[in-house]
Amino acid sequence: MHYSKPATETTDKAWRLPLSEEYQEQLKSPFADLANIGGRWGGAITAGAFLSNFTKKYRWAHLDIAGTAWLQGANKGATGRPVSLLTQFLINQVK
């Protein structure tokens, strides 16, 4: 499942982030089998690392849109990201 092709066909940007073992290390917890939040750095990556623990049998993607989904100030509201990316991805799947 690659979102890089539909990203080049739309205005939404996408790229693959690393899921190396060091990010899994941030999810270790003394209180639970797994923490759902990592350290200070790499929040999008550690969120993906967290999800990877539950998706081993599936093709999956983590779209971290927290910073782009909403506008603040006078133009506040939803941006619609990543609707065009997801739409193009689905169109490409049926071609």
PDB file of N, CA and C in Angstrom:
ATOM      1  N   MET A   1       0.857  -1.163   0.000  1.00  0.00           N
ATOM      2  CA  MET A   1       0.000   0.000   0.000  1.00  0.00           C
ATOM      3  C   MET A   1       0.906   1.230   0.000  1.00  0.00           C
ATOM      4  N   HIS A   2       1.017   1.865  -1.120  1.00  0.00           N
ATOM      5  CA  HIS A   2       1.892   3.030  -1.213  1.00  0.00           C
ATOM      6  C   HIS A   2       1.073   4.261  -1.542  1.00  0.00           C
ATOM      7  N   TYR A   3       1.267   5.281  -0.746  1.00  0.00           N
ATOM      8  CA  TYR A   3       0.563   6.538  -0.956  1.00  0.00           C
ATOM      9  C   TYR A   3       1.435   7.550  -1.672  1.00  0.00           C
ATOM     10  N   SER A   4       2.658   7.173  -2.045  1.00  0.00           N
ATOM     11  CA  SER A   4       3.537   8.129  -2.702  1.00  0.00           C
ATOM     12  C   SER A   4       3.045   8.493  -4.103  1.00  0.00           C
ATOM     13  N   LYS A   5       2.493   7.537  -4.852  1.00  0.00           N
ATOM     14  CA  LYS A   5       1.987   7.846  -6.195  1.00  0.00           C
ATOM     15  C   LYS A   5       0.784   8.779  -6.139  1.00  0.00           C
ATOM     16  N   PRO A   6      -0.269   8.479  -5.349  1.00  0.00           N
ATOM     17  CA  PRO A   6      -1.380   9.434  -5.297  1.00  0.00           C
ATOM     18  C   PRO A   6      -0.969  10.782  -4.712  1.00  0.00           C
ATOM     19  N   ALA A   7       0.067  10.812  -3.898  1.00  0.00           N
ATOM     20  CA  ALA A   7       0.538  12.087  -3.354  1.00  0.00           C
ATOM     21  C   ALA A   7       1.097  12.970  -4.461  1.00  0.00           C
ATOM     22  N   THR A   8       1.746  12.363  -5.459  1.00  0.00           N
ATOM     23  CA  THR A   8       2.276  13.153  -6.573  1.00  0.00           C
ATOM     24  C   THR A   8       1.166  13.606  -7.515  1.00  0.00           C
ATOM     25  N   GLU A   9       0.015  12.952  -7.443  1.00  0.00           N
ATOM     26  CA  GLU A   9      -1.111  13.283  -8.317  1.00  0.00           C
ATOM     27  C   GLU A   9      -2.087  14.256  -7.660  1.00  0.00           C
ATOM     28  N   THR A  10      -1.854  14.602  -6.406  1.00  0.00           N
ATOM     29  CA  THR A  10      -2.733  15.518  -5.670  1.00  0.00           C
ATOM     30  C   THR A  10      -1.882  16.578  -4.982  1.00  0.00           C
ATOM     31  N   THR A  11      -2.537  17.442  -4.233  1.00  0.00           N
ATOM     32  CA  THR A  11      -1.808  18.473  -3.482  1.00  0.00           C
ATOM     33  C   THR A  11      -1.397  17.992  -2.101  1.00  0.00           C
ATOM     34  N   ASP A  12      -1.806  16.797  -1.703  1.00  0.00           N
ATOM     35  CA  ASP A  12      -1.419  16.241  -0.408  1.00  0.00           C
ATOM     36  C   ASP A  12      -0.059  15.566  -0.518  1.00  0.00           C
ATOM     37  N   LYS A  13       0.798  15.840   0.424  1.00  0.00           N
ATOM     38  CA  LYS A  13       2.131  15.241   0.438  1.00  0.00           C
ATOM     39  C   LYS A  13       2.122  14.001   1.320  1.00  0.00           C
ATOM     40  N   ALA A  14       2.892  12.991   0.944  1.00  0.00           N
ATOM     41  CA  ALA A  14       2.995  11.760   1.733  1.00  0.00           C
ATOM     42  C   ALA A  14       4.367  11.157   1.509  1.00  0.00           C
ATOM     43  N   TRP A  15       4.914  10.579   2.543  1.00  0.00           N
ATOM     44  CA  TRP A  15       6.169   9.857   2.436  1.00  0.00           C
ATOM     45  C   TRP A  15       6.232   8.834   3.547  1.00  0.00           C
ATOM     46  N   ARG A  16       7.043   7.823   3.326  1.00  0.00           N
ATOM     47  CA  ARG A  16       7.187   6.737   4.290  1.00  0.00           C
ATOM     48  C   ARG A  16       8.176   7.160   5.371  1.00  0.00           C
ATOM     49  N   LEU A  17       7.768   6.985   6.614  1.00  0.00           N
ATOM     50  CA  LEU A  17       8.643   7.264   7.750  1.00  0.00           C
ATOM     51  C   LEU A  17       9.271   5.964   8.236  1.00  0.00           C
ATOM     52  N   PRO A  18      10.441   6.039   8.850  1.00  0.00           N
ATOM     53  CA  PRO A  18      11.097   4.815   9.322  1.00  0.00           C
ATOM     54  C   PRO A  18      10.362   4.202  10.506  1.00  0.00           C
ATOM     55  N   LEU A  19      10.327   2.890  10.572  1.00  0.00           N
ATOM     56  CA  LEU A  19       9.739   2.183  11.716  1.00  0.00           C
ATOM     57  C   LEU A  19      10.794   1.278  12.341  1.00  0.00           C
ATOM     58  N   SER A  20      11.962   1.823  12.576  1.00  0.00           N
ATOM     59  CA  SER A  20      13.049   1.013  13.122  1.00  0.00           C
ATOM     60  C   SER A  20      12.801   0.685  14.593  1.00  0.00           C
ATOM     61  N   GLU A  21      13.537  -0.269  15.088  1.00  0.00           N
ATOM     62  CA  GLU A  21      13.347  -0.802  16.441  1.00  0.00           C
ATOM     63  C   GLU A  21      13.475   0.266  17.525  1.00  0.00           C
ATOM     64  N   GLU A  22      14.270   1.294  17.299  1.00  0.00           N
ATOM     65  CA  GLU A  22      14.438   2.322  18.328  1.00  0.00           C
ATOM     66  C   GLU A  22      13.115   3.015  18.677  1.00  0.00           C
ATOM     67  N   TYR A  23      12.199   3.069  17.743  1.00  0.00           N
ATOM     68  CA  TYR A  23      10.891   3.666  18.034  1.00  0.00           C
ATOM     69  C   TYR A  23      10.033   2.721  18.862  1.00  0.00           C
ATOM     70  N   GLN A  24      10.190   1.425  18.662  1.00  0.00           N
ATOM     71  CA  GLN A  24       9.494   0.452  19.506  1.00  0.00           C
ATOM     72  C   GLN A  24       9.996   0.552  20.945  1.00  0.00           C
ATOM     73  N   GLU A  25      11.284   0.845  21.110  1.00  0.00           N
ATOM     74  CA  GLU A  25      11.862   0.988  22.446  1.00  0.00           C
ATOM     75  C   GLU A  25      11.158   2.093  23.231  1.00  0.00           C
ATOM     76  N   GLN A  26      10.754   3.158  22.543  1.00  0.00           N
ATOM     77  CA  GLN A  26      10.069   4.267  23.212  1.00  0.00           C
ATOM     78  C   GLN A  26       8.700   3.861  23.747  1.00  0.00           C
ATOM     79  N   LEU A  27       8.163   2.766  23.251  1.00  0.00           N
ATOM     80  CA  LEU A  27       6.823   2.336  23.644  1.00  0.00           C
ATOM     81  C   LEU A  27       6.824   1.339  24.795  1.00  0.00           C
ATOM     82  N   LYS A  28       7.993   1.008  25.301  1.00  0.00           N
ATOM     83  CA  LYS A  28       8.047   0.098  26.446  1.00  0.00           C
ATOM     84  C   LYS A  28       7.488   0.810  27.670  1.00  0.00           C
ATOM     85  N   SER A  29       6.767   0.057  28.499  1.00  0.00           N
ATOM     86  CA  SER A  29       6.106   0.639  29.666  1.00  0.00           C
ATOM     87  C   SER A  29       6.298  -0.246  30.889  1.00  0.00           C
ATOM     88  N   PRO A  30       6.531   0.358  32.066  1.00  0.00           N
ATOM     89  CA  PRO A  30       6.595  -0.439  33.291  1.00  0.00           C
ATOM     90  C   PRO A  30       5.201  -0.808  33.811  1.00  0.00           C
ATOM     91  N   PHE A  31       4.160  -0.213  33.224  1.00  0.00           N
ATOM     92  CA  PHE A  31       2.797  -0.396  33.717  1.00  0.00           C
ATOM     93  C   PHE A  31       1.905  -1.237  32.812  1.00  0.00           C
ATOM     94  N   ALA A  32       2.279  -1.360  31.542  1.00  0.00           N
ATOM     95  CA  ALA A  32       1.435  -2.068  30.572  1.00  0.00           C
ATOM     96  C   ALA A  32       2.323  -2.843  29.603  1.00  0.00           C
ATOM     97  N   ASP A  33       1.697  -3.696  28.812  1.00  0.00           N
ATOM     98  CA  ASP A  33       2.446  -4.425  27.788  1.00  0.00           C
ATOM     99  C   ASP A  33       3.092  -3.462  26.799  1.00  0.00           C
ATOM    100  N   LEU A  34       2.417  -2.343  26.569  1.00  0.00           N
ATOM    101  CA  LEU A  34       2.850  -1.399  25.552  1.00  0.00           C
ATOM    102  C   LEU A  34       2.286  -0.027  25.887  1.00  0.00           C
ATOM    103  N   ALA A  35       3.099   1.007  25.791  1.00  0.00           N
ATOM    104  CA  ALA A  35       2.611   2.378  25.966  1.00  0.00           C
ATOM    105  C   ALA A  35       2.053   2.866  24.636  1.00  0.00           C
ATOM    106  N   ASN A  36       1.057   3.734  24.679  1.00  0.00           N
ATOM    107  CA  ASN A  36       0.480   4.230  23.429  1.00  0.00           C
ATOM    108  C   ASN A  36       1.063   5.579  23.019  1.00  0.00           C
ATOM    109  N   ILE A  37       2.091   6.020  23.710  1.00  0.00           N
ATOM    110  CA  ILE A  37       2.777   7.257  23.348  1.00  0.00           C
ATOM    111  C   ILE A  37       4.255   7.070  23.653  1.00  0.00           C
ATOM    112  N   GLY A  38       5.090   7.611  22.791  1.00  0.00           N
ATOM    113  CA  GLY A  38       6.527   7.445  22.967  1.00  0.00           C
ATOM    114  C   GLY A  38       7.143   8.629  23.674  1.00  0.00           C
ATOM    115  N   GLY A  39       8.397   8.871  23.371  1.00  0.00           N
ATOM    116  CA  GLY A  39       9.122   9.978  23.967  1.00  0.00           C
ATOM    117  C   GLY A  39       8.745  11.300  23.332  1.00  0.00           C
ATOM    118  N   ARG A  40       9.585  12.283  23.596  1.00  0.00           N
ATOM    119  CA  ARG A  40       9.309  13.634  23.121  1.00  0.00           C
ATOM    120  C   ARG A  40       9.427  13.758  21.605  1.00  0.00           C
ATOM    121  N   TRP A  41      10.338  13.028  21.010  1.00  0.00           N
ATOM    122  CA  TRP A  41      10.621  13.189  19.580  1.00  0.00           C
ATOM    123  C   TRP A  41       9.985  12.072  18.750  1.00  0.00           C
ATOM    124  N   GLY A  42       9.639  12.405  17.533  1.00  0.00           N
ATOM    125  CA  GLY A  42       9.153  11.398  16.588  1.00  0.00           C
ATOM    126  C   GLY A  42       7.737  10.936  16.848  1.00  0.00           C
ATOM    127  N   GLY A  43       6.845  11.849  17.242  1.00  0.00           N
ATOM    128  CA  GLY A  43       5.469  11.472  17.577  1.00  0.00           C
ATOM    129  C   GLY A  43       4.740  10.745  16.465  1.00  0.00           C
ATOM    130  N   ALA A  44       4.869  11.226  15.233  1.00  0.00           N
ATOM    131  CA  ALA A  44       4.203  10.562  14.111  1.00  0.00           C
ATOM    132  C   ALA A  44       4.779   9.171  13.892  1.00  0.00           C
ATOM    133  N   ILE A  45       6.091   9.048  14.066  1.00  0.00           N
ATOM    134  CA  ILE A  45       6.740   7.756  13.862  1.00  0.00           C
ATOM    135  C   ILE A  45       6.375   6.794  14.986  1.00  0.00           C
ATOM    136  N   THR A  46       6.401   7.273  16.234  1.00  0.00           N
ATOM    137  CA  THR A  46       6.060   6.369  17.335  1.00  0.00           C
ATOM    138  C   THR A  46       4.587   5.988  17.296  1.00  0.00           C
ATOM    139  N   ALA A  47       3.728   6.864  16.778  1.00  0.00           N
ATOM    140  CA  ALA A  47       2.320   6.493  16.602  1.00  0.00           C
ATOM    141  C   ALA A  47       2.208   5.359  15.588  1.00  0.00           C
ATOM    142  N   GLY A  48       2.959   5.455  14.503  1.00  0.00           N
ATOM    143  CA  GLY A  48       2.994   4.375  13.523  1.00  0.00           C
ATOM    144  C   GLY A  48       3.586   3.105  14.104  1.00  0.00           C
ATOM    145  N   ALA A  49       4.632   3.259  14.917  1.00  0.00           N
ATOM    146  CA  ALA A  49       5.245   2.098  15.565  1.00  0.00           C
ATOM    147  C   ALA A  49       4.246   1.416  16.494  1.00  0.00           C
ATOM    148  N   PHE A  50       3.470   2.208  17.218  1.00  0.00           N
ATOM    149  CA  PHE A  50       2.436   1.658  18.098  1.00  0.00           C
ATOM    150  C   PHE A  50       1.428   0.848  17.282  1.00  0.00           C
ATOM    151  N   LEU A  51       0.933   1.421  16.198  1.00  0.00           N
ATOM    152  CA  LEU A  51      -0.049   0.730  15.359  1.00  0.00           C
ATOM    153  C   LEU A  51       0.523  -0.543  14.745  1.00  0.00           C
ATOM    154  N   SER A  52       1.812  -0.536  14.443  1.00  0.00           N
ATOM    155  CA  SER A  52       2.425  -1.703  13.802  1.00  0.00           C
ATOM    156  C   SER A  52       2.350  -2.950  14.675  1.00  0.00           C
ATOM    157  N   ASN A  53       2.192  -2.774  15.968  1.00  0.00           N
ATOM    158  CA  ASN A  53       2.071  -3.915  16.873  1.00  0.00           C
ATOM    159  C   ASN A  53       0.743  -4.653  16.707  1.00  0.00           C
ATOM    160  N   PHE A  54      -0.226  -4.031  16.075  1.00  0.00           N
ATOM    161  CA  PHE A  54      -1.557  -4.619  15.921  1.00  0.00           C
ATOM    162  C   PHE A  54      -1.912  -4.932  14.476  1.00  0.00           C
ATOM    163  N   THR A  55      -0.986  -4.716  13.561  1.00  0.00           N
ATOM    164  CA  THR A  55      -1.302  -4.837  12.136  1.00  0.00           C
ATOM    165  C   THR A  55      -0.392  -5.809  11.398  1.00  0.00           C
ATOM    166  N   LYS A  56       0.222  -6.702  12.103  1.00  0.00           N
ATOM    167  CA  LYS A  56       1.213  -7.587  11.483  1.00  0.00           C
ATOM    168  C   LYS A  56       0.637  -8.438  10.348  1.00  0.00           C
ATOM    169  N   LYS A  57      -0.659  -8.728  10.377  1.00  0.00           N
ATOM    170  CA  LYS A  57      -1.291  -9.559   9.344  1.00  0.00           C
ATOM    171  C   LYS A  57      -1.861  -8.736   8.193  1.00  0.00           C
ATOM    172  N   TYR A  58      -1.761  -7.411   8.269  1.00  0.00           N
ATOM    173  CA  TYR A  58      -2.458  -6.551   7.321  1.00  0.00           C
ATOM    174  C   TYR A  58      -1.511  -5.558   6.662  1.00  0.00           C
ATOM    175  N   ARG A  59      -1.881  -5.147   5.470  1.00  0.00           N
ATOM    176  CA  ARG A  59      -1.237  -4.001   4.838  1.00  0.00           C
ATOM    177  C   ARG A  59      -1.919  -2.773   5.412  1.00  0.00           C
ATOM    178  N   TRP A  60      -1.152  -1.817   5.835  1.00  0.00           N
ATOM    179  CA  TRP A  60      -1.744  -0.683   6.528  1.00  0.00           C
ATOM    180  C   TRP A  60      -0.920   0.581   6.296  1.00  0.00           C
ATOM    181  N   ALA A  61      -1.501   1.696   6.662  1.00  0.00           N
ATOM    182  CA  ALA A  61      -0.807   2.982   6.606  1.00  0.00           C
ATOM    183  C   ALA A  61      -1.306   3.842   7.753  1.00  0.00           C
ATOM    184  N   HIS A  62      -0.412   4.608   8.314  1.00  0.00           N
ATOM    185  CA  HIS A  62      -0.777   5.590   9.338  1.00  0.00           C
ATOM    186  C   HIS A  62      -0.638   6.963   8.702  1.00  0.00           C
ATOM    187  N   LEU A  63      -1.749   7.646   8.541  1.00  0.00           N
ATOM    188  CA  LEU A  63      -1.726   8.995   7.977  1.00  0.00           C
ATOM    189  C   LEU A  63      -1.793   9.977   9.137  1.00  0.00           C
ATOM    190  N   ASP A  64      -0.681  10.589   9.470  1.00  0.00           N
ATOM    191  CA  ASP A  64      -0.630  11.524  10.587  1.00  0.00           C
ATOM    192  C   ASP A  64      -1.013  12.905  10.069  1.00  0.00           C
ATOM    193  N   ILE A  65      -2.256  13.289  10.291  1.00  0.00           N
ATOM    194  CA  ILE A  65      -2.764  14.549   9.760  1.00  0.00           C
ATOM    195  C   ILE A  65      -3.020  15.575  10.855  1.00  0.00           C
ATOM    196  N   ALA A  66      -2.522  15.306  12.058  1.00  0.00           N
ATOM    197  CA  ALA A  66      -2.800  16.184  13.195  1.00  0.00           C
ATOM    198  C   ALA A  66      -2.416  17.636  12.916  1.00  0.00           C
ATOM    199  N   GLY A  67      -1.300  17.857  12.280  1.00  0.00           N
ATOM    200  CA  GLY A  67      -0.852  19.226  12.041  1.00  0.00           C
ATOM    201  C   GLY A  67      -1.470  19.897  10.834  1.00  0.00           C
ATOM    202  N   THR A  68      -2.146  19.149   9.982  1.00  0.00           N
ATOM    203  CA  THR A  68      -2.670  19.728   8.737  1.00  0.00           C
ATOM    204  C   THR A  68      -4.184  19.653   8.613  1.00  0.00           C
ATOM    205  N   ALA A  69      -4.858  19.010   9.527  1.00  0.00           N
ATOM    206  CA  ALA A  69      -6.298  18.777   9.391  1.00  0.00           C
ATOM    207  C   ALA A  69      -7.150  19.999   9.703  1.00  0.00           C
ATOM    208  N   TRP A  70      -6.625  20.913  10.510  1.00  0.00           N
ATOM    209  CA  TRP A  70      -7.425  22.060  10.958  1.00  0.00           C
ATOM    210  C   TRP A  70      -6.656  23.360  10.816  1.00  0.00           C
ATOM    211  N   LEU A  71      -7.378  24.424  10.491  1.00  0.00           N
ATOM    212  CA  LEU A  71      -6.812  25.767  10.447  1.00  0.00           C
ATOM    213  C   LEU A  71      -7.270  26.534  11.678  1.00  0.00           C
ATOM    214  N   GLN A  72      -6.435  27.429  12.142  1.00  0.00           N
ATOM    215  CA  GLN A  72      -6.760  28.289  13.275  1.00  0.00           C
ATOM    216  C   GLN A  72      -7.023  29.710  12.772  1.00  0.00           C
ATOM    217  N   GLY A  73      -7.483  30.566  13.648  1.00  0.00           N
ATOM    218  CA  GLY A  73      -7.638  31.981  13.320  1.00  0.00           C
ATOM    219  C   GLY A  73      -8.887  32.271  12.512  1.00  0.00           C
ATOM    220  N   ALA A  74      -8.805  33.333  11.698  1.00  0.00           N
ATOM    221  CA  ALA A  74      -9.967  33.805  10.939  1.00  0.00           C
ATOM    222  C   ALA A  74     -10.500  32.756   9.970  1.00  0.00           C
ATOM    223  N   ASN A  75      -9.627  31.912   9.441  1.00  0.00           N
ATOM    224  CA  ASN A  75     -10.036  30.873   8.484  1.00  0.00           C
ATOM    225  C   ASN A  75     -10.175  29.515   9.141  1.00  0.00           C
ATOM    226  N   LYS A  76     -10.481  29.493  10.438  1.00  0.00           N
ATOM    227  CA  LYS A  76     -10.503  28.226  11.165  1.00  0.00           C
ATOM    228  C   LYS A  76     -11.506  27.246  10.576  1.00  0.00           C
ATOM    229  N   GLY A  77     -11.169  25.979  10.717  1.00  0.00           N
ATOM    230  CA  GLY A  77     -12.030  24.917  10.224  1.00  0.00           C
ATOM    231  C   GLY A  77     -11.212  23.791   9.621  1.00  0.00           C
ATOM    232  N   ALA A  78     -11.906  22.812   9.122  1.00  0.00           N
ATOM    233  CA  ALA A  78     -11.255  21.634   8.542  1.00  0.00           C
ATOM    234  C   ALA A  78     -10.623  21.974   7.199  1.00  0.00           C
ATOM    235  N   THR A  79      -9.459  21.410   6.932  1.00  0.00           N
ATOM    236  CA  THR A  79      -8.756  21.650   5.667  1.00  0.00           C
ATOM    237  C   THR A  79      -9.149  20.655   4.578  1.00  0.00           C
ATOM    238  N   GLY A  80      -9.696  19.518   4.978  1.00  0.00           N
ATOM    239  CA  GLY A  80     -10.013  18.482   4.003  1.00  0.00           C
ATOM    240  C   GLY A  80      -8.850  17.558   3.713  1.00  0.00           C
ATOM    241  N   ARG A  81      -7.746  17.755   4.374  1.00  0.00           N
ATOM    242  CA  ARG A  81      -6.609  16.858   4.186  1.00  0.00           C
ATOM    243  C   ARG A  81      -6.856  15.584   4.940  1.00  0.00           C
ATOM    244  N   PRO A  82      -6.593  14.471   4.448  1.00  0.00           N
ATOM    245  CA  PRO A  82      -6.038  14.046   3.178  1.00  0.00           C
ATOM    246  C   PRO A  82      -7.103  13.483   2.235  1.00  0.00           C
ATOM    247  N   VAL A  83      -8.239  14.134   2.116  1.00  0.00           N
ATOM    248  CA  VAL A  83      -9.334  13.599   1.301  1.00  0.00           C
ATOM    249  C   VAL A  83      -8.896  13.374  -0.144  1.00  0.00           C
ATOM    250  N   SER A  84      -8.199  14.336  -0.736  1.00  0.00           N
ATOM    251  CA  SER A  84      -7.793  14.157  -2.139  1.00  0.00           C
ATOM    252  C   SER A  84      -6.796  13.008  -2.287  1.00  0.00           C
ATOM    253  N   LEU A  85      -5.899  12.843  -1.336  1.00  0.00           N
ATOM    254  CA  LEU A  85      -4.946  11.732  -1.368  1.00  0.00           C
ATOM    255  C   LEU A  85      -5.668  10.394  -1.288  1.00  0.00           C
ATOM    256  N   LEU A  86      -6.583  10.260  -0.349  1.00  0.00           N
ATOM    257  CA  LEU A  86      -7.317   8.998  -0.191  1.00  0.00           C
ATOM    258  C   LEU A  86      -8.206   8.712  -1.393  1.00  0.00           C
ATOM    259  N   THR A  87      -8.833   9.744  -1.929  1.00  0.00           N
ATOM    260  CA  THR A  87      -9.675   9.570  -3.114  1.00  0.00           C
ATOM    261  C   THR A  87      -8.843   9.079  -4.295  1.00  0.00           C
ATOM    262  N   GLN A  88      -7.696   9.718  -4.520  1.00  0.00           N
ATOM    263  CA  GLN A  88      -6.828   9.303  -5.626  1.00  0.00           C
ATOM    264  C   GLN A  88      -6.291   7.902  -5.401  1.00  0.00           C
ATOM    265  N   PHE A  89      -5.954   7.557  -4.167  1.00  0.00           N
ATOM    266  CA  PHE A  89      -5.493   6.200  -3.856  1.00  0.00           C
ATOM    267  C   PHE A  89      -6.557   5.182  -4.251  1.00  0.00           C
ATOM    268  N   LEU A  90      -7.813   5.434  -3.884  1.00  0.00           N
ATOM    269  CA  LEU A  90      -8.899   4.504  -4.218  1.00  0.00           C
ATOM    270  C   LEU A  90      -9.132   4.425  -5.719  1.00  0.00           C
ATOM    271  N   ILE A  91      -9.065   5.553  -6.405  1.00  0.00           N
ATOM    272  CA  ILE A  91      -9.206   5.555  -7.868  1.00  0.00           C
ATOM    273  C   ILE A  91      -8.108   4.704  -8.495  1.00  0.00           C
ATOM    274  N   ASN A  92      -6.882   4.856  -8.014  1.00  0.00           N
ATOM    275  CA  ASN A  92      -5.762   4.074  -8.548  1.00  0.00           C
ATOM    276  C   ASN A  92      -5.938   2.580  -8.290  1.00  0.00           C
ATOM    277  N   GLN A  93      -6.614   2.216  -7.217  1.00  0.00           N
ATOM    278  CA  GLN A  93      -6.821   0.804  -6.892  1.00  0.00           C
ATOM    279  C   GLN A  93      -7.758   0.118  -7.879  1.00  0.00           C
ATOM    280  N   VAL A  94      -8.689   0.858  -8.455  1.00  0.00           N
ATOM    281  CA  VAL A  94      -9.657   0.237  -9.366  1.00  0.00           C
ATOM    282  C   VAL A  94      -9.259   0.374 -10.835  1.00  0.00           C
ATOM    283  N   LYS A  95      -8.173   1.066 -11.105  1.00  0.00           N
ATOM    284  CA  LYS A  95      -7.712   1.215 -12.498  1.00  0.00           C
ATOM    285  C   LYS A  95      -7.117  -0.078 -13.000  1.00  0.00           C
TER     286      LYS A  95
END
